[in-house]
PDB file of all heavy atoms in Angstrom:
ATOM      1  N   GLU A   1     143.179 156.083  75.999  1.00  0.00           N
ATOM      2  CA  GLU A   1     144.276 155.143  76.133  1.00  0.00           C
ATOM      3  C   GLU A   1     143.716 153.675  76.322  1.00  0.00           C
ATOM      4  O   GLU A   1     143.998 153.064  77.358  1.00  0.00           O
ATOM      5  CB  GLU A   1     145.145 155.564  77.290  1.00  0.00           C
ATOM      6  CG  GLU A   1     145.929 156.837  77.091  1.00  0.00           C
ATOM      7  CD  GLU A   1     146.824 157.134  78.157  1.00  0.00           C
ATOM      8  OE1 GLU A   1     146.968 156.447  79.143  1.00  0.00           O
ATOM      9  OE2 GLU A   1     147.548 158.228  78.006  1.00  0.00           O
ATOM     10  N   ARG A   2     142.958 153.247  75.443  1.00  0.00           N
ATOM     11  CA  ARG A   2     142.425 151.875  75.430  1.00  0.00           C
ATOM     12  C   ARG A   2     143.307 151.009  74.531  1.00  0.00           C
ATOM     13  O   ARG A   2     143.594 151.440  73.370  1.00  0.00           O
ATOM     14  CB  ARG A   2     140.977 151.756  74.881  1.00  0.00           C
ATOM     15  CG  ARG A   2     140.035 152.435  75.925  1.00  0.00           C
ATOM     16  CD  ARG A   2     138.569 152.269  75.434  1.00  0.00           C
ATOM     17  NE  ARG A   2     138.370 152.880  74.108  1.00  0.00           N
ATOM     18  CZ  ARG A   2     138.065 154.103  73.844  1.00  0.00           C
ATOM     19  NH1 ARG A   2     137.879 154.980  74.862  1.00  0.00           N
ATOM     20  NH2 ARG A   2     137.859 154.586  72.606  1.00  0.00           N
ATOM     21  N   GLU A   3     143.746 149.879  75.060  1.00  0.00           N
ATOM     22  CA  GLU A   3     144.582 148.967  74.279  1.00  0.00           C
ATOM     23  C   GLU A   3     143.979 148.557  72.929  1.00  0.00           C
ATOM     24  O   GLU A   3     144.721 148.249  71.941  1.00  0.00           O
ATOM     25  CB  GLU A   3     145.058 147.714  75.021  1.00  0.00           C
ATOM     26  CG  GLU A   3     146.093 148.144  76.096  1.00  0.00           C
ATOM     27  CD  GLU A   3     146.778 146.844  76.564  1.00  0.00           C
ATOM     28  OE1 GLU A   3     147.351 146.114  75.832  1.00  0.00           O
ATOM     29  OE2 GLU A   3     146.790 146.792  77.822  1.00  0.00           O
ATOM     30  N   SER A   4     142.627 148.583  72.816  1.00  0.00           N
ATOM     31  CA  SER A   4     141.981 148.222  71.673  1.00  0.00           C
ATOM     32  C   SER A   4     142.015 149.378  70.487  1.00  0.00           C
ATOM     33  O   SER A   4     141.725 149.119  69.368  1.00  0.00           O
ATOM     34  CB  SER A   4     140.521 147.893  71.915  1.00  0.00           C
ATOM     35  OG  SER A   4     139.860 149.096  72.455  1.00  0.00           O
ATOM     36  N   ASP A   5     142.453 150.554  70.955  1.00  0.00           N
ATOM     37  CA  ASP A   5     142.571 151.625  70.020  1.00  0.00           C
ATOM     38  C   ASP A   5     143.821 151.490  69.097  1.00  0.00           C
ATOM     39  O   ASP A   5     144.878 151.128  69.604  1.00  0.00           O
ATOM     40  CB  ASP A   5     142.721 152.954  70.902  1.00  0.00           C
ATOM     41  CG  ASP A   5     142.843 154.196  70.022  1.00  0.00           C
ATOM     42  OD1 ASP A   5     143.836 154.340  69.260  1.00  0.00           O
ATOM     43  OD2 ASP A   5     141.931 154.991  70.013  1.00  0.00           O
ATOM     44  N   PRO A   6     143.634 151.648  67.852  1.00  0.00           N
ATOM     45  CA  PRO A   6     144.772 151.313  66.921  1.00  0.00           C
ATOM     46  C   PRO A   6     145.992 152.236  67.158  1.00  0.00           C
ATOM     47  O   PRO A   6     147.175 151.799  67.017  1.00  0.00           O
ATOM     48  CB  PRO A   6     144.207 151.597  65.539  1.00  0.00           C
ATOM     49  CG  PRO A   6     142.692 151.426  65.586  1.00  0.00           C
ATOM     50  CD  PRO A   6     142.401 151.786  67.109  1.00  0.00           C
ATOM     51  N   GLN A   7     145.802 153.513  67.609  1.00  0.00           N
ATOM     52  CA  GLN A   7     146.902 154.380  67.888  1.00  0.00           C
ATOM     53  C   GLN A   7     147.677 153.850  69.042  1.00  0.00           C
ATOM     54  O   GLN A   7     148.879 153.798  69.074  1.00  0.00           O
ATOM     55  CB  GLN A   7     146.425 155.708  68.071  1.00  0.00           C
ATOM     56  CG  GLN A   7     147.481 156.677  68.425  1.00  0.00           C
ATOM     57  CD  GLN A   7     147.084 158.197  68.632  1.00  0.00           C
ATOM     58  OE1 GLN A   7     145.877 158.452  68.318  1.00  0.00           O
ATOM     59  NE2 GLN A   7     147.926 159.040  69.098  1.00  0.00           N
ATOM     60  N   VAL A   8     146.935 153.366  70.076  1.00  0.00           N
ATOM     61  CA  VAL A   8     147.622 152.804  71.318  1.00  0.00           C
ATOM     62  C   VAL A   8     148.349 151.605  70.901  1.00  0.00           C
ATOM     63  O   VAL A   8     149.550 151.415  71.329  1.00  0.00           O
ATOM     64  CB  VAL A   8     146.566 152.565  72.369  1.00  0.00           C
ATOM     65  CG1 VAL A   8     147.283 151.791  73.547  1.00  0.00           C
ATOM     66  CG2 VAL A   8     146.013 153.861  72.880  1.00  0.00           C
ATOM     67  N   ALA A   9     147.788 150.743  70.093  1.00  0.00           N
ATOM     68  CA  ALA A   9     148.482 149.529  69.671  1.00  0.00           C
ATOM     69  C   ALA A   9     149.780 149.875  68.946  1.00  0.00           C
ATOM     70  O   ALA A   9     150.813 149.160  69.121  1.00  0.00           O
ATOM     71  CB  ALA A   9     147.553 148.656  68.786  1.00  0.00           C
ATOM     72  N   ARG A  10     149.751 150.921  67.974  1.00  0.00           N
ATOM     73  CA  ARG A  10     150.964 151.221  67.364  1.00  0.00           C
ATOM     74  C   ARG A  10     151.995 151.791  68.277  1.00  0.00           C
ATOM     75  O   ARG A  10     153.164 151.491  68.219  1.00  0.00           O
ATOM     76  CB  ARG A  10     150.624 152.330  66.247  1.00  0.00           C
ATOM     77  CG  ARG A  10     149.980 151.755  65.080  1.00  0.00           C
ATOM     78  CD  ARG A  10     149.880 152.655  63.891  1.00  0.00           C
ATOM     79  NE  ARG A  10     149.305 154.023  64.198  1.00  0.00           N
ATOM     80  CZ  ARG A  10     148.036 154.293  64.206  1.00  0.00           C
ATOM     81  NH1 ARG A  10     147.144 153.398  63.886  1.00  0.00           N
ATOM     82  NH2 ARG A  10     147.610 155.489  64.428  1.00  0.00           N
ATOM     83  N   ALA A  11     151.591 152.668  69.272  1.00  0.00           N
ATOM     84  CA  ALA A  11     152.582 153.138  70.186  1.00  0.00           C
ATOM     85  C   ALA A  11     153.123 151.980  71.077  1.00  0.00           C
ATOM     86  O   ALA A  11     154.401 151.958  71.265  1.00  0.00           O
ATOM     87  CB  ALA A  11     151.816 154.181  71.145  1.00  0.00           C
ATOM     88  N   LEU A  12     152.290 151.129  71.543  1.00  0.00           N
ATOM     89  CA  LEU A  12     152.798 149.981  72.309  1.00  0.00           C
ATOM     90  C   LEU A  12     153.752 149.123  71.509  1.00  0.00           C
ATOM     91  O   LEU A  12     154.745 148.586  72.005  1.00  0.00           O
ATOM     92  CB  LEU A  12     151.640 149.177  72.841  1.00  0.00           C
ATOM     93  CG  LEU A  12     150.720 149.798  73.841  1.00  0.00           C
ATOM     94  CD1 LEU A  12     149.523 148.925  74.168  1.00  0.00           C
ATOM     95  CD2 LEU A  12     151.581 150.157  75.074  1.00  0.00           C
ATOM     96  N   ALA A  13     153.501 148.947  70.210  1.00  0.00           N
ATOM     97  CA  ALA A  13     154.377 148.194  69.326  1.00  0.00           C
ATOM     98  C   ALA A  13     155.796 148.825  69.274  1.00  0.00           C
ATOM     99  O   ALA A  13     156.848 148.178  69.317  1.00  0.00           O
ATOM    100  CB  ALA A  13     153.784 148.074  67.941  1.00  0.00           C
ATOM    101  N   VAL A  14     155.803 150.143  69.176  1.00  0.00           N
ATOM    102  CA  VAL A  14     157.118 150.855  69.258  1.00  0.00           C
ATOM    103  C   VAL A  14     157.823 150.619  70.535  1.00  0.00           C
ATOM    104  O   VAL A  14     159.008 150.240  70.589  1.00  0.00           O
ATOM    105  CB  VAL A  14     156.995 152.368  68.973  1.00  0.00           C
ATOM    106  CG1 VAL A  14     158.265 153.136  69.271  1.00  0.00           C
ATOM    107  CG2 VAL A  14     156.398 152.634  67.671  1.00  0.00           C
ATOM    108  N   CYS A  15     157.071 150.763  71.649  1.00  0.00           N
ATOM    109  CA  CYS A  15     157.652 150.480  72.965  1.00  0.00           C
ATOM    110  C   CYS A  15     158.212 149.117  73.181  1.00  0.00           C
ATOM    111  O   CYS A  15     159.250 148.937  73.733  1.00  0.00           O
ATOM    112  CB  CYS A  15     156.663 150.868  74.034  1.00  0.00           C
ATOM    113  SG  CYS A  15     156.133 152.589  74.239  1.00  0.00           S
ATOM    114  N   ARG A  16     157.500 148.176  72.694  1.00  0.00           N
ATOM    115  CA  ARG A  16     157.799 146.803  72.955  1.00  0.00           C
ATOM    116  C   ARG A  16     159.070 146.352  72.198  1.00  0.00           C
ATOM    117  O   ARG A  16     159.679 145.298  72.573  1.00  0.00           O
ATOM    118  CB  ARG A  16     156.603 145.827  72.622  1.00  0.00           C
ATOM    119  CG  ARG A  16     155.605 146.016  73.709  1.00  0.00           C
ATOM    120  CD  ARG A  16     154.421 145.099  73.460  1.00  0.00           C
ATOM    121  NE  ARG A  16     153.410 145.274  74.473  1.00  0.00           N
ATOM    122  CZ  ARG A  16     152.088 145.440  74.284  1.00  0.00           C
ATOM    123  NH1 ARG A  16     151.622 145.383  73.091  1.00  0.00           N
ATOM    124  NH2 ARG A  16     151.283 145.726  75.249  1.00  0.00           N
ATOM    125  N   ARG A  17     159.536 147.143  71.185  1.00  0.00           N
ATOM    126  CA  ARG A  17     160.723 146.746  70.488  1.00  0.00           C
ATOM    127  C   ARG A  17     161.966 147.586  71.129  1.00  0.00           C
ATOM    128  O   ARG A  17     163.052 147.578  70.496  1.00  0.00           O
ATOM    129  CB  ARG A  17     160.563 146.932  69.056  1.00  0.00           C
ATOM    130  CG  ARG A  17     160.501 148.336  68.471  1.00  0.00           C
ATOM    131  CD  ARG A  17     160.525 148.361  66.989  1.00  0.00           C
ATOM    132  NE  ARG A  17     160.761 149.739  66.532  1.00  0.00           N
ATOM    133  CZ  ARG A  17     159.777 150.605  66.166  1.00  0.00           C
ATOM    134  NH1 ARG A  17     158.532 150.163  66.070  1.00  0.00           N
ATOM    135  NH2 ARG A  17     160.133 151.840  65.773  1.00  0.00           N
ATOM    136  N   CYS A  18     161.646 148.424  72.145  1.00  0.00           N
ATOM    137  CA  CYS A  18     162.561 149.292  72.595  1.00  0.00           C
ATOM    138  C   CYS A  18     163.552 148.675  73.690  1.00  0.00           C
ATOM    139  O   CYS A  18     163.072 148.015  74.618  1.00  0.00           O
ATOM    140  CB  CYS A  18     161.889 150.546  73.313  1.00  0.00           C
ATOM    141  SG  CYS A  18     163.009 151.781  73.836  1.00  0.00           S
ATOM    142  N   ARG A  19     164.757 148.876  73.521  1.00  0.00           N
ATOM    143  CA  ARG A  19     165.796 148.373  74.450  1.00  0.00           C
ATOM    144  C   ARG A  19     165.819 149.051  75.781  1.00  0.00           C
ATOM    145  O   ARG A  19     166.420 148.627  76.775  1.00  0.00           O
ATOM    146  CB  ARG A  19     167.135 148.205  73.825  1.00  0.00           C
ATOM    147  CG  ARG A  19     167.794 149.445  73.442  1.00  0.00           C
ATOM    148  CD  ARG A  19     169.075 149.189  72.731  1.00  0.00           C
ATOM    149  NE  ARG A  19     169.907 150.287  72.818  1.00  0.00           N
ATOM    150  CZ  ARG A  19     171.290 150.256  72.497  1.00  0.00           C
ATOM    151  NH1 ARG A  19     171.708 149.092  72.045  1.00  0.00           N
ATOM    152  NH2 ARG A  19     172.032 151.291  72.643  1.00  0.00           N
ATOM    153  N   VAL A  20     165.183 150.295  75.901  1.00  0.00           N
ATOM    154  CA  VAL A  20     165.240 151.002  77.176  1.00  0.00           C
ATOM    155  C   VAL A  20     163.866 151.095  77.709  1.00  0.00           C
ATOM    156  O   VAL A  20     163.486 151.988  78.543  1.00  0.00           O
ATOM    157  CB  VAL A  20     165.929 152.429  76.956  1.00  0.00           C
ATOM    158  CG1 VAL A  20     167.389 152.292  76.590  1.00  0.00           C
ATOM    159  CG2 VAL A  20     165.072 153.235  75.971  1.00  0.00           C
ATOM    160  N   LEU A  21     163.026 150.122  77.382  1.00  0.00           N
ATOM    161  CA  LEU A  21     161.575 150.137  77.807  1.00  0.00           C
ATOM    162  C   LEU A  21     161.499 150.209  79.353  1.00  0.00           C
ATOM    163  O   LEU A  21     160.713 151.082  79.845  1.00  0.00           O
ATOM    164  CB  LEU A  21     160.947 148.857  77.389  1.00  0.00           C
ATOM    165  CG  LEU A  21     159.493 148.642  77.709  1.00  0.00           C
ATOM    166  CD1 LEU A  21     158.818 147.832  76.628  1.00  0.00           C
ATOM    167  CD2 LEU A  21     159.414 147.873  79.073  1.00  0.00           C
ATOM    168  N   LEU A  22     162.264 149.447  80.068  1.00  0.00           N
ATOM    169  CA  LEU A  22     162.168 149.540  81.494  1.00  0.00           C
ATOM    170  C   LEU A  22     162.674 150.909  82.149  1.00  0.00           C
ATOM    171  O   LEU A  22     162.053 151.312  83.114  1.00  0.00           O
ATOM    172  CB  LEU A  22     162.951 148.397  82.219  1.00  0.00           C
ATOM    173  CG  LEU A  22     162.353 147.001  81.854  1.00  0.00           C
ATOM    174  CD1 LEU A  22     163.202 145.869  82.416  1.00  0.00           C
ATOM    175  CD2 LEU A  22     160.939 146.902  82.302  1.00  0.00           C
ATOM    176  N   ALA A  23     163.671 151.445  81.582  1.00  0.00           N
ATOM    177  CA  ALA A  23     164.087 152.764  82.084  1.00  0.00           C
ATOM    178  C   ALA A  23     163.057 153.846  81.731  1.00  0.00           C
ATOM    179  O   ALA A  23     162.787 154.652  82.644  1.00  0.00           O
ATOM    180  CB  ALA A  23     165.426 153.141  81.417  1.00  0.00           C
ATOM    181  N   CYS A  24     162.379 153.742  80.617  1.00  0.00           N
ATOM    182  CA  CYS A  24     161.314 154.677  80.267  1.00  0.00           C
ATOM    183  C   CYS A  24     160.185 154.469  81.245  1.00  0.00           C
ATOM    184  O   CYS A  24     159.693 155.523  81.742  1.00  0.00           O
ATOM    185  CB  CYS A  24     160.993 154.502  78.864  1.00  0.00           C
ATOM    186  SG  CYS A  24     159.514 155.490  78.264  1.00  0.00           S
ATOM    187  N   ARG A  25     159.798 153.278  81.422  1.00  0.00           N
ATOM    188  CA  ARG A  25     158.686 153.015  82.346  1.00  0.00           C
ATOM    189  C   ARG A  25     158.970 153.564  83.764  1.00  0.00           C
ATOM    190  O   ARG A  25     158.156 154.138  84.418  1.00  0.00           O
ATOM    191  CB  ARG A  25     158.298 151.585  82.349  1.00  0.00           C
ATOM    192  CG  ARG A  25     157.178 151.219  83.300  1.00  0.00           C
ATOM    193  CD  ARG A  25     156.976 149.711  83.341  1.00  0.00           C
ATOM    194  NE  ARG A  25     156.623 149.194  81.996  1.00  0.00           N
ATOM    195  CZ  ARG A  25     156.864 147.908  81.599  1.00  0.00           C
ATOM    196  NH1 ARG A  25     157.257 147.024  82.501  1.00  0.00           N
ATOM    197  NH2 ARG A  25     156.497 147.576  80.348  1.00  0.00           N
ATOM    198  N   SER A  26     160.171 153.170  84.246  1.00  0.00           N
ATOM    199  CA  SER A  26     160.559 153.618  85.579  1.00  0.00           C
ATOM    200  C   SER A  26     160.576 155.094  85.718  1.00  0.00           C
ATOM    201  O   SER A  26     160.054 155.641  86.721  1.00  0.00           O
ATOM    202  CB  SER A  26     161.963 153.081  85.919  1.00  0.00           C
ATOM    203  OG  SER A  26     161.891 151.664  85.899  1.00  0.00           O
ATOM    204  N   TRP A  27     161.048 155.792  84.717  1.00  0.00           N
ATOM    205  CA  TRP A  27     161.119 157.275  84.769  1.00  0.00           C
ATOM    206  C   TRP A  27     159.708 157.806  84.808  1.00  0.00           C
ATOM    207  O   TRP A  27     159.411 158.703  85.659  1.00  0.00           O
ATOM    208  CB  TRP A  27     161.802 157.846  83.489  1.00  0.00           C
ATOM    209  CG  TRP A  27     161.841 159.349  83.524  1.00  0.00           C
ATOM    210  CD1 TRP A  27     162.791 160.137  84.074  1.00  0.00           C
ATOM    211  CD2 TRP A  27     160.834 160.230  82.994  1.00  0.00           C
ATOM    212  NE1 TRP A  27     162.493 161.456  83.939  1.00  0.00           N
ATOM    213  CE2 TRP A  27     161.236 161.522  83.286  1.00  0.00           C
ATOM    214  CE3 TRP A  27     159.581 160.016  82.330  1.00  0.00           C
ATOM    215  CZ2 TRP A  27     160.592 162.624  82.881  1.00  0.00           C
ATOM    216  CZ3 TRP A  27     158.875 161.196  82.013  1.00  0.00           C
ATOM    217  CH2 TRP A  27     159.402 162.404  82.254  1.00  0.00           C
ATOM    218  N   ALA A  28     158.806 157.247  84.004  1.00  0.00           N
ATOM    219  CA  ALA A  28     157.423 157.710  83.937  1.00  0.00           C
ATOM    220  C   ALA A  28     156.671 157.533  85.243  1.00  0.00           C
ATOM    221  O   ALA A  28     155.959 158.375  85.808  1.00  0.00           O
ATOM    222  CB  ALA A  28     156.633 157.073  82.860  1.00  0.00           C
ATOM    223  N   ILE A  29     156.949 156.390  85.895  1.00  0.00           N
ATOM    224  CA  ILE A  29     156.345 156.083  87.263  1.00  0.00           C
ATOM    225  C   ILE A  29     156.880 156.977  88.281  1.00  0.00           C
ATOM    226  O   ILE A  29     156.177 157.517  89.123  1.00  0.00           O
ATOM    227  CB  ILE A  29     156.495 154.537  87.563  1.00  0.00           C
ATOM    228  CG1 ILE A  29     155.640 153.737  86.572  1.00  0.00           C
ATOM    229  CG2 ILE A  29     156.147 154.264  89.014  1.00  0.00           C
ATOM    230  CD1 ILE A  29     155.980 152.250  86.629  1.00  0.00           C
ATOM    231  N   GLU A  30     158.232 157.105  88.283  1.00  0.00           N
ATOM    232  CA  GLU A  30     158.860 157.968  89.300  1.00  0.00           C
ATOM    233  C   GLU A  30     158.461 159.365  89.176  1.00  0.00           C
ATOM    234  O   GLU A  30     158.289 160.080  90.236  1.00  0.00           O
ATOM    235  CB  GLU A  30     160.395 157.868  89.225  1.00  0.00           C
ATOM    236  CG  GLU A  30     160.918 156.493  89.573  1.00  0.00           C
ATOM    237  CD  GLU A  30     162.345 156.329  89.233  1.00  0.00           C
ATOM    238  OE1 GLU A  30     163.062 157.285  88.640  1.00  0.00           O
ATOM    239  OE2 GLU A  30     162.914 155.200  89.360  1.00  0.00           O
ATOM    240  N   GLN A  31     158.188 159.893  87.949  1.00  0.00           N
ATOM    241  CA  GLN A  31     157.841 161.320  87.797  1.00  0.00           C
ATOM    242  C   GLN A  31     156.332 161.573  87.912  1.00  0.00           C
ATOM    243  O   GLN A  31     155.827 162.687  87.825  1.00  0.00           O
ATOM    244  CB  GLN A  31     158.309 161.742  86.344  1.00  0.00           C
ATOM    245  CG  GLN A  31     159.778 161.721  86.177  1.00  0.00           C
ATOM    246  CD  GLN A  31     160.524 162.585  87.250  1.00  0.00           C
ATOM    247  OE1 GLN A  31     160.170 163.754  87.473  1.00  0.00           O
ATOM    248  NE2 GLN A  31     161.568 162.005  87.877  1.00  0.00           N
ATOM    249  N   GLY A  32     155.611 160.425  88.021  1.00  0.00           N
ATOM    250  CA  GLY A  32     154.077 160.558  88.081  1.00  0.00           C
ATOM    251  C   GLY A  32     153.539 160.983  86.752  1.00  0.00           C
ATOM    252  O   GLY A  32     152.522 161.642  86.726  1.00  0.00           O
ATOM    253  N   GLU A  33     154.142 160.623  85.648  1.00  0.00           N
ATOM    254  CA  GLU A  33     153.644 160.996  84.314  1.00  0.00           C
ATOM    255  C   GLU A  33     152.223 160.420  84.139  1.00  0.00           C
ATOM    256  O   GLU A  33     152.082 159.201  84.095  1.00  0.00           O
ATOM    257  CB  GLU A  33     154.600 160.466  83.221  1.00  0.00           C
ATOM    258  CG  GLU A  33     154.278 160.908  81.864  1.00  0.00           C
ATOM    259  CD  GLU A  33     154.286 162.352  81.680  1.00  0.00           C
ATOM    260  OE1 GLU A  33     155.331 163.001  81.946  1.00  0.00           O
ATOM    261  OE2 GLU A  33     153.179 162.868  81.205  1.00  0.00           O
ATOM    262  N   ASP A  34     151.249 161.300  84.052  1.00  0.00           N
ATOM    263  CA  ASP A  34     149.874 160.866  84.012  1.00  0.00           C
ATOM    264  C   ASP A  34     149.278 161.097  82.700  1.00  0.00           C
ATOM    265  O   ASP A  34     148.000 161.184  82.533  1.00  0.00           O
ATOM    266  CB  ASP A  34     149.075 161.607  85.025  1.00  0.00           C
ATOM    267  CG  ASP A  34     147.771 160.890  85.419  1.00  0.00           C
ATOM    268  OD1 ASP A  34     147.811 159.631  85.320  1.00  0.00           O
ATOM    269  OD2 ASP A  34     146.816 161.580  85.735  1.00  0.00           O
ATOM    270  N   ALA A  35     149.999 161.010  81.630  1.00  0.00           N
ATOM    271  CA  ALA A  35     149.420 161.178  80.230  1.00  0.00           C
ATOM    272  C   ALA A  35     150.411 160.408  79.291  1.00  0.00           C
ATOM    273  O   ALA A  35     151.615 160.363  79.467  1.00  0.00           O
ATOM    274  CB  ALA A  35     149.452 162.627  79.754  1.00  0.00           C
ATOM    275  N   GLY A  36     149.785 159.785  78.276  1.00  0.00           N
ATOM    276  CA  GLY A  36     150.554 159.222  77.266  1.00  0.00           C
ATOM    277  C   GLY A  36     151.019 157.752  77.501  1.00  0.00           C
ATOM    278  O   GLY A  36     150.737 157.152  78.643  1.00  0.00           O
TER     279      GLY A  36
END
């Protein structure tokens, strides 16, 4: 999960255009999601 990795960059690009980004992030933090 290095930001310099092309796969990570593509995933982050999808996330950054998402209108529910903050809800997704909050859910992952609240659930302790430790992968992905």
